[in-house]
Amino acid sequence: MINKVILIGNLGADPEKRYTASGTAVVTLSVATNRRWKGQDGTPQEETEWHRVIVWRETAEFCANYLNKGSKVYVEGRLQTRKWQDQSGNDRYTTEIVAQTIQNLTPRGSDAGGGGGTFDSPPLPPDPFAGGGTGDDVPF
């Protein structure tokens, strides 16, 4: 089976960095991708899709230090859907991309940030949501 996602897009906000109870860095990115086409009448159309990207450990530190709103990034990772309950006890679902590789595609000296650089995550720890884990140390 294959679960692989590749995106090239722009950050819609600065990276949100947090730490788990055990001290592991985790960053949430909001990445926008665009799709363009011509409508039936020939007029140009555009659609923006927003993606929630989760980045762990050293790669999270890289993102927090070198990326900011507007940065163009290459993201490679896997899709993950989590189930959680809201304050009213209703089941909710969140689909996100757990990043393995992040590359900053923004040219150096631009307004959007640092420029250049690729960071690959070391192998991920076991999924805190698999096997009945509660995921209590996940900060979101």
C-alpha atoms as a PDB file:
ATOM      1  CA  MET A   1       0.000   0.000   0.000  1.00  0.00           C
ATOM      2  CA  ILE A   2       1.121   3.561  -0.690  1.00  0.00           C
ATOM      3  CA  ASN A   3       0.146   6.660   1.255  1.00  0.00           C
ATOM      4  CA  LYS A   4       2.195   9.530  -0.170  1.00  0.00           C
ATOM      5  CA  VAL A   5       1.392  13.202  -0.649  1.00  0.00           C
ATOM      6  CA  ILE A   6       3.493  15.769  -2.508  1.00  0.00           C
ATOM      7  CA  LEU A   7       2.565  19.459  -2.434  1.00  0.00           C
ATOM      8  CA  ILE A   8       4.113  22.667  -3.674  1.00  0.00           C
ATOM      9  CA  GLY A   9       2.389  25.702  -2.242  1.00  0.00           C
ATOM     10  CA  ASN A  10       2.640  28.822  -0.138  1.00  0.00           C
ATOM     11  CA  LEU A  11       2.298  29.204   3.618  1.00  0.00           C
ATOM     12  CA  GLY A  12      -0.833  31.113   4.577  1.00  0.00           C
ATOM     13  CA  ALA A  13       0.519  31.934   8.051  1.00  0.00           C
ATOM     14  CA  ASP A  14       3.715  31.706  10.053  1.00  0.00           C
ATOM     15  CA  PRO A  15       4.472  28.192  11.367  1.00  0.00           C
ATOM     16  CA  GLU A  16       2.786  27.429  14.712  1.00  0.00           C
ATOM     17  CA  LYS A  17       5.353  25.758  16.955  1.00  0.00           C
ATOM     18  CA  ARG A  18       4.432  23.822  20.110  1.00  0.00           C
ATOM     19  CA  TYR A  19       5.976  21.161  22.288  1.00  0.00           C
ATOM     20  CA  THR A  20       4.453  17.918  23.517  1.00  0.00           C
ATOM     21  CA  ALA A  21       4.508  17.109  27.225  1.00  0.00           C
ATOM     22  CA  SER A  22       7.657  15.059  26.579  1.00  0.00           C
ATOM     23  CA  GLY A  23       9.390  18.062  24.952  1.00  0.00           C
ATOM     24  CA  THR A  24       9.087  17.041  21.296  1.00  0.00           C
ATOM     25  CA  ALA A  25       8.759  19.970  18.873  1.00  0.00           C
ATOM     26  CA  VAL A  26       5.715  19.962  16.568  1.00  0.00           C
ATOM     27  CA  VAL A  27       4.808  22.599  13.991  1.00  0.00           C
ATOM     28  CA  THR A  28       1.534  23.115  12.160  1.00  0.00           C
ATOM     29  CA  LEU A  29       1.672  24.664   8.693  1.00  0.00           C
ATOM     30  CA  SER A  30      -1.183  25.992   6.598  1.00  0.00           C
ATOM     31  CA  VAL A  31      -0.247  25.418   2.937  1.00  0.00           C
ATOM     32  CA  ALA A  32      -2.255  26.791   0.013  1.00  0.00           C
ATOM     33  CA  THR A  33      -2.193  25.179  -3.421  1.00  0.00           C
ATOM     34  CA  ASN A  34      -3.885  26.598  -6.515  1.00  0.00           C
ATOM     35  CA  ARG A  35      -5.553  24.955  -9.463  1.00  0.00           C
ATOM     36  CA  ARG A  36      -6.172  26.908 -12.670  1.00  0.00           C
ATOM     37  CA  TRP A  37      -8.317  26.005 -15.668  1.00  0.00           C
ATOM     38  CA  LYS A  38     -10.487  27.569 -18.334  1.00  0.00           C
ATOM     39  CA  GLY A  39     -14.242  27.451 -17.876  1.00  0.00           C
ATOM     40  CA  GLN A  40     -16.654  26.305 -20.577  1.00  0.00           C
ATOM     41  CA  ASP A  41     -16.910  29.880 -21.805  1.00  0.00           C
ATOM     42  CA  GLY A  42     -13.089  30.176 -21.965  1.00  0.00           C
ATOM     43  CA  THR A  43     -12.685  32.458 -18.944  1.00  0.00           C
ATOM     44  CA  PRO A  44      -9.835  31.615 -16.580  1.00  0.00           C
ATOM     45  CA  GLN A  45     -10.877  29.967 -13.308  1.00  0.00           C
ATOM     46  CA  GLU A  46      -8.864  29.446 -10.138  1.00  0.00           C
ATOM     47  CA  GLU A  47      -9.427  27.456  -6.965  1.00  0.00           C
ATOM     48  CA  THR A  48      -7.348  27.485  -3.785  1.00  0.00           C
ATOM     49  CA  GLU A  49      -7.141  24.423  -1.552  1.00  0.00           C
ATOM     50  CA  TRP A  50      -5.821  24.702   2.018  1.00  0.00           C
ATOM     51  CA  HIS A  51      -3.842  21.857   3.599  1.00  0.00           C
ATOM     52  CA  ARG A  52      -2.997  21.309   7.260  1.00  0.00           C
ATOM     53  CA  VAL A  53       0.578  19.982   7.532  1.00  0.00           C
ATOM     54  CA  ILE A  54       2.057  18.564  10.743  1.00  0.00           C
ATOM     55  CA  VAL A  55       5.835  18.529  11.149  1.00  0.00           C
ATOM     56  CA  TRP A  56       7.730  16.786  13.984  1.00  0.00           C
ATOM     57  CA  ARG A  57      11.079  17.117  15.804  1.00  0.00           C
ATOM     58  CA  GLU A  58      14.109  18.527  13.940  1.00  0.00           C
ATOM     59  CA  THR A  59      12.086  19.262  10.822  1.00  0.00           C
ATOM     60  CA  ALA A  60       9.659  21.270  12.988  1.00  0.00           C
ATOM     61  CA  GLU A  61      12.577  23.330  14.297  1.00  0.00           C
ATOM     62  CA  PHE A  62      13.734  23.935  10.702  1.00  0.00           C
ATOM     63  CA  CYS A  63      10.258  25.166   9.733  1.00  0.00           C
ATOM     64  CA  ALA A  64       9.942  27.445  12.762  1.00  0.00           C
ATOM     65  CA  ASN A  65      13.371  28.983  12.107  1.00  0.00           C
ATOM     66  CA  TYR A  66      13.384  29.350   8.314  1.00  0.00           C
ATOM     67  CA  LEU A  67       9.807  29.573   7.051  1.00  0.00           C
ATOM     68  CA  ASN A  68       7.173  32.271   7.401  1.00  0.00           C
ATOM     69  CA  LYS A  69       3.922  33.452   5.842  1.00  0.00           C
ATOM     70  CA  GLY A  70       4.235  33.528   2.060  1.00  0.00           C
ATOM     71  CA  SER A  71       7.146  31.067   1.866  1.00  0.00           C
ATOM     72  CA  LYS A  72       6.896  28.681  -1.073  1.00  0.00           C
ATOM     73  CA  VAL A  73       7.463  25.120   0.129  1.00  0.00           C
ATOM     74  CA  TYR A  74       7.755  21.583  -1.174  1.00  0.00           C
ATOM     75  CA  VAL A  75       6.095  19.112   1.209  1.00  0.00           C
ATOM     76  CA  GLU A  76       6.334  15.346   1.057  1.00  0.00           C
ATOM     77  CA  GLY A  77       4.570  13.128   3.552  1.00  0.00           C
ATOM     78  CA  ARG A  78       1.524  10.979   4.220  1.00  0.00           C
ATOM     79  CA  LEU A  79      -2.189  11.558   4.819  1.00  0.00           C
ATOM     80  CA  GLN A  80      -3.545  10.945   8.297  1.00  0.00           C
ATOM     81  CA  THR A  81      -7.117  11.268   9.555  1.00  0.00           C
ATOM     82  CA  ARG A  82      -7.683  11.682  13.280  1.00  0.00           C
ATOM     83  CA  LYS A  83     -10.924  11.373  15.206  1.00  0.00           C
ATOM     84  CA  TRP A  84     -11.525  13.642  18.196  1.00  0.00           C
ATOM     85  CA  GLN A  85     -14.424  14.982  20.223  1.00  0.00           C
ATOM     86  CA  ASP A  86     -15.435  18.619  20.450  1.00  0.00           C
ATOM     87  CA  GLN A  87     -16.563  20.342  23.668  1.00  0.00           C
ATOM     88  CA  SER A  88     -20.118  19.077  23.111  1.00  0.00           C
ATOM     89  CA  GLY A  89     -18.947  15.462  22.851  1.00  0.00           C
ATOM     90  CA  ASN A  90     -19.546  15.242  19.093  1.00  0.00           C
ATOM     91  CA  ASP A  91     -17.134  13.178  17.012  1.00  0.00           C
ATOM     92  CA  ARG A  92     -15.031  15.264  14.651  1.00  0.00           C
ATOM     93  CA  TYR A  93     -12.450  14.251  12.061  1.00  0.00           C
ATOM     94  CA  THR A  94      -9.336  16.048  10.853  1.00  0.00           C
ATOM     95  CA  THR A  95      -7.362  15.031   7.784  1.00  0.00           C
ATOM     96  CA  GLU A  96      -3.825  16.350   7.683  1.00  0.00           C
ATOM     97  CA  ILE A  97      -0.479  15.696   6.074  1.00  0.00           C
ATOM     98  CA  VAL A  98       2.285  14.385   8.314  1.00  0.00           C
ATOM     99  CA  ALA A  99       5.412  15.744   6.628  1.00  0.00           C
ATOM    100  CA  GLN A 100       8.554  13.694   6.132  1.00  0.00           C
ATOM    101  CA  THR A 101      10.399  16.224   3.921  1.00  0.00           C
ATOM    102  CA  ILE A 102      10.096  20.009   3.772  1.00  0.00           C
ATOM    103  CA  GLN A 103      12.013  22.133   1.276  1.00  0.00           C
ATOM    104  CA  ASN A 104      12.004  25.923   1.250  1.00  0.00           C
ATOM    105  CA  LEU A 105      11.589  27.038  -2.379  1.00  0.00           C
ATOM    106  CA  THR A 106      11.550  30.769  -1.654  1.00  0.00           C
ATOM    107  CA  PRO A 107      14.505  32.591  -3.260  1.00  0.00           C
ATOM    108  CA  ARG A 108      16.961  34.196  -0.873  1.00  0.00           C
ATOM    109  CA  GLY A 109      16.323  37.853  -0.161  1.00  0.00           C
ATOM    110  CA  SER A 110      12.612  37.743  -0.953  1.00  0.00           C
ATOM    111  CA  ASP A 111      10.005  39.118   1.440  1.00  0.00           C
ATOM    112  CA  ALA A 112       8.701  35.631   2.232  1.00  0.00           C
ATOM    113  CA  GLY A 113      11.748  34.431   4.112  1.00  0.00           C
ATOM    114  CA  GLY A 114      15.057  32.606   4.236  1.00  0.00           C
ATOM    115  CA  GLY A 115      15.382  30.821   0.950  1.00  0.00           C
ATOM    116  CA  GLY A 116      16.639  27.385   0.070  1.00  0.00           C
ATOM    117  CA  GLY A 117      17.133  24.428   2.308  1.00  0.00           C
ATOM    118  CA  THR A 118      15.743  20.936   2.597  1.00  0.00           C
ATOM    119  CA  PHE A 119      15.149  18.975   5.726  1.00  0.00           C
ATOM    120  CA  ASP A 120      14.200  15.329   6.000  1.00  0.00           C
ATOM    121  CA  SER A 121      12.701  14.046   9.207  1.00  0.00           C
ATOM    122  CA  PRO A 122      14.306  11.127  10.953  1.00  0.00           C
ATOM    123  CA  PRO A 123      12.017   8.089  11.173  1.00  0.00           C
ATOM    124  CA  LEU A 124       8.823   8.909  13.057  1.00  0.00           C
ATOM    125  CA  PRO A 125       8.061   7.378  16.437  1.00  0.00           C
ATOM    126  CA  PRO A 126       5.114   4.994  16.675  1.00  0.00           C
ATOM    127  CA  ASP A 127       1.798   6.661  15.895  1.00  0.00           C
ATOM    128  CA  PRO A 128       0.339   7.873  19.245  1.00  0.00           C
ATOM    129  CA  PHE A 129      -3.172   7.192  17.927  1.00  0.00           C
ATOM    130  CA  ALA A 130      -2.533   3.592  16.863  1.00  0.00           C
ATOM    131  CA  GLY A 131      -3.087   0.654  19.145  1.00  0.00           C
ATOM    132  CA  GLY A 132      -5.534   2.421  21.435  1.00  0.00           C
ATOM    133  CA  GLY A 133      -3.181   5.228  22.465  1.00  0.00           C
ATOM    134  CA  THR A 134      -4.922   8.383  23.580  1.00  0.00           C
ATOM    135  CA  GLY A 135      -2.557  10.866  21.965  1.00  0.00           C
ATOM    136  CA  ASP A 136      -2.764  12.971  25.151  1.00  0.00           C
ATOM    137  CA  ASP A 137       0.662  14.503  24.549  1.00  0.00           C
ATOM    138  CA  VAL A 138      -0.341  15.893  21.121  1.00  0.00           C
ATOM    139  CA  PRO A 139      -0.881  19.647  21.612  1.00  0.00           C
ATOM    140  CA  PHE A 140      -3.752  20.162  19.151  1.00  0.00           C
END
